[in-house]
Amino acid sequence: MLGYKATTSGHAVTTGHPLVQLPELVTVAVDEARVSAISMTVNLAGLF
């Protein structure tokens, strides 16, 4: 398993639509030297 934390950006739905940073988590599962799963999660709560 590999985990990677980063941020991505998005425009908020509030007045002026400011650009906000959103936490992102990418997880990669490797089984017998092959990637068997990839999961990407972005917390969109900052958009509201």
N, C-alpha and C. Protein backbone atom coordinates (compact mmCIF):
# COMPACT_ATOMS: atom_id res chain seq x y z
N MET A 1 0.83 -1.17 0.00
CA MET A 1 0.00 0.00 0.00
C MET A 1 0.88 1.24 0.00
N LEU A 2 0.50 2.18 -0.81
CA LEU A 2 1.14 3.49 -0.84
C LEU A 2 0.07 4.53 -0.58
N GLY A 3 0.37 5.51 0.21
CA GLY A 3 -0.56 6.60 0.46
C GLY A 3 0.11 7.93 0.12
N TYR A 4 -0.65 8.82 -0.47
CA TYR A 4 -0.11 10.11 -0.87
C TYR A 4 -1.13 11.18 -0.53
N LYS A 5 -0.72 12.19 0.23
CA LYS A 5 -1.59 13.30 0.57
C LYS A 5 -1.15 14.53 -0.22
N ALA A 6 -2.11 15.26 -0.71
CA ALA A 6 -1.82 16.48 -1.47
C ALA A 6 -3.02 17.40 -1.37
N THR A 7 -2.98 18.49 -2.10
CA THR A 7 -4.14 19.36 -2.21
C THR A 7 -4.40 19.61 -3.69
N THR A 8 -5.65 19.80 -3.98
CA THR A 8 -6.07 20.20 -5.31
C THR A 8 -6.91 21.46 -5.11
N SER A 9 -7.32 22.10 -6.15
CA SER A 9 -8.08 23.33 -5.97
C SER A 9 -9.42 23.26 -6.69
N GLY A 10 -10.33 24.09 -6.24
CA GLY A 10 -11.65 24.19 -6.85
C GLY A 10 -12.25 25.54 -6.53
N HIS A 11 -13.24 25.95 -7.29
CA HIS A 11 -13.90 27.23 -7.06
C HIS A 11 -15.10 27.03 -6.14
N ALA A 12 -15.14 27.81 -5.07
CA ALA A 12 -16.23 27.72 -4.11
C ALA A 12 -17.53 28.21 -4.73
N VAL A 13 -18.65 27.78 -4.15
CA VAL A 13 -19.96 28.20 -4.65
C VAL A 13 -20.42 29.50 -3.99
N THR A 14 -19.61 30.05 -3.10
CA THR A 14 -19.97 31.30 -2.42
C THR A 14 -19.76 32.50 -3.35
N THR A 15 -20.17 33.67 -2.89
CA THR A 15 -20.04 34.90 -3.67
C THR A 15 -18.60 35.13 -4.10
N GLY A 16 -18.41 35.41 -5.36
CA GLY A 16 -17.08 35.66 -5.90
C GLY A 16 -16.35 34.41 -6.36
N HIS A 17 -16.85 33.25 -6.00
CA HIS A 17 -16.28 31.95 -6.39
C HIS A 17 -14.76 31.89 -6.20
N PRO A 18 -14.28 32.12 -4.95
CA PRO A 18 -12.83 32.09 -4.72
C PRO A 18 -12.26 30.69 -4.94
N LEU A 19 -11.01 30.63 -5.30
CA LEU A 19 -10.31 29.36 -5.49
C LEU A 19 -9.87 28.87 -4.11
N VAL A 20 -10.28 27.67 -3.73
CA VAL A 20 -9.93 27.11 -2.42
C VAL A 20 -9.13 25.82 -2.59
N GLN A 21 -8.29 25.54 -1.60
CA GLN A 21 -7.50 24.32 -1.60
C GLN A 21 -8.33 23.19 -0.97
N LEU A 22 -8.32 22.02 -1.59
CA LEU A 22 -9.09 20.88 -1.12
C LEU A 22 -8.14 19.72 -0.82
N PRO A 23 -8.23 19.12 0.38
CA PRO A 23 -7.38 17.99 0.72
C PRO A 23 -7.69 16.79 -0.16
N GLU A 24 -6.65 16.08 -0.57
CA GLU A 24 -6.80 14.93 -1.46
C GLU A 24 -5.96 13.79 -0.90
N LEU A 25 -6.46 12.56 -0.99
CA LEU A 25 -5.73 11.37 -0.56
C LEU A 25 -5.78 10.35 -1.69
N VAL A 26 -4.61 9.88 -2.10
CA VAL A 26 -4.52 8.84 -3.14
C VAL A 26 -3.89 7.62 -2.49
N THR A 27 -4.54 6.47 -2.65
CA THR A 27 -4.03 5.21 -2.12
C THR A 27 -3.86 4.23 -3.28
N VAL A 28 -2.70 3.59 -3.33
CA VAL A 28 -2.40 2.63 -4.39
C VAL A 28 -2.06 1.29 -3.72
N ALA A 29 -2.74 0.23 -4.14
CA ALA A 29 -2.46 -1.11 -3.64
C ALA A 29 -1.67 -1.88 -4.69
N VAL A 30 -0.56 -2.46 -4.26
CA VAL A 30 0.30 -3.25 -5.16
C VAL A 30 0.27 -4.69 -4.69
N ASP A 31 -0.03 -5.62 -5.60
CA ASP A 31 -0.11 -7.04 -5.29
C ASP A 31 0.74 -7.81 -6.29
N GLU A 32 1.77 -8.48 -5.79
CA GLU A 32 2.68 -9.24 -6.65
C GLU A 32 3.25 -8.38 -7.78
N ALA A 33 3.77 -7.22 -7.42
CA ALA A 33 4.42 -6.28 -8.34
C ALA A 33 3.48 -5.66 -9.38
N ARG A 34 2.19 -5.75 -9.14
CA ARG A 34 1.21 -5.12 -10.04
C ARG A 34 0.24 -4.27 -9.24
N VAL A 35 -0.16 -3.17 -9.83
CA VAL A 35 -1.16 -2.31 -9.18
C VAL A 35 -2.50 -3.03 -9.24
N SER A 36 -3.10 -3.26 -8.07
CA SER A 36 -4.38 -3.96 -8.04
C SER A 36 -5.56 -3.04 -7.73
N ALA A 37 -5.28 -1.86 -7.18
CA ALA A 37 -6.36 -0.92 -6.88
C ALA A 37 -5.79 0.49 -6.71
N ILE A 38 -6.59 1.48 -7.10
CA ILE A 38 -6.25 2.88 -6.88
C ILE A 38 -7.51 3.56 -6.34
N SER A 39 -7.34 4.29 -5.26
CA SER A 39 -8.45 5.03 -4.67
C SER A 39 -8.04 6.50 -4.56
N MET A 40 -8.91 7.39 -5.02
CA MET A 40 -8.66 8.83 -4.92
C MET A 40 -9.84 9.47 -4.21
N THR A 41 -9.55 10.20 -3.13
CA THR A 41 -10.59 10.84 -2.35
C THR A 41 -10.27 12.33 -2.23
N VAL A 42 -11.24 13.18 -2.55
CA VAL A 42 -11.08 14.63 -2.42
C VAL A 42 -12.17 15.13 -1.48
N ASN A 43 -11.78 15.86 -0.43
CA ASN A 43 -12.73 16.44 0.50
C ASN A 43 -13.30 17.71 -0.10
N LEU A 44 -14.56 17.66 -0.53
CA LEU A 44 -15.20 18.79 -1.20
C LEU A 44 -15.89 19.78 -0.27
N ALA A 45 -15.77 19.57 1.05
CA ALA A 45 -16.46 20.42 2.02
C ALA A 45 -16.05 21.90 1.88
N GLY A 46 -14.83 22.17 1.46
CA GLY A 46 -14.37 23.55 1.33
C GLY A 46 -15.06 24.34 0.23
N LEU A 47 -15.78 23.65 -0.65
CA LEU A 47 -16.46 24.34 -1.74
C LEU A 47 -17.73 25.04 -1.27
N PHE A 48 -18.24 24.67 -0.08
CA PHE A 48 -19.52 25.21 0.37
C PHE A 48 -19.28 26.11 1.52
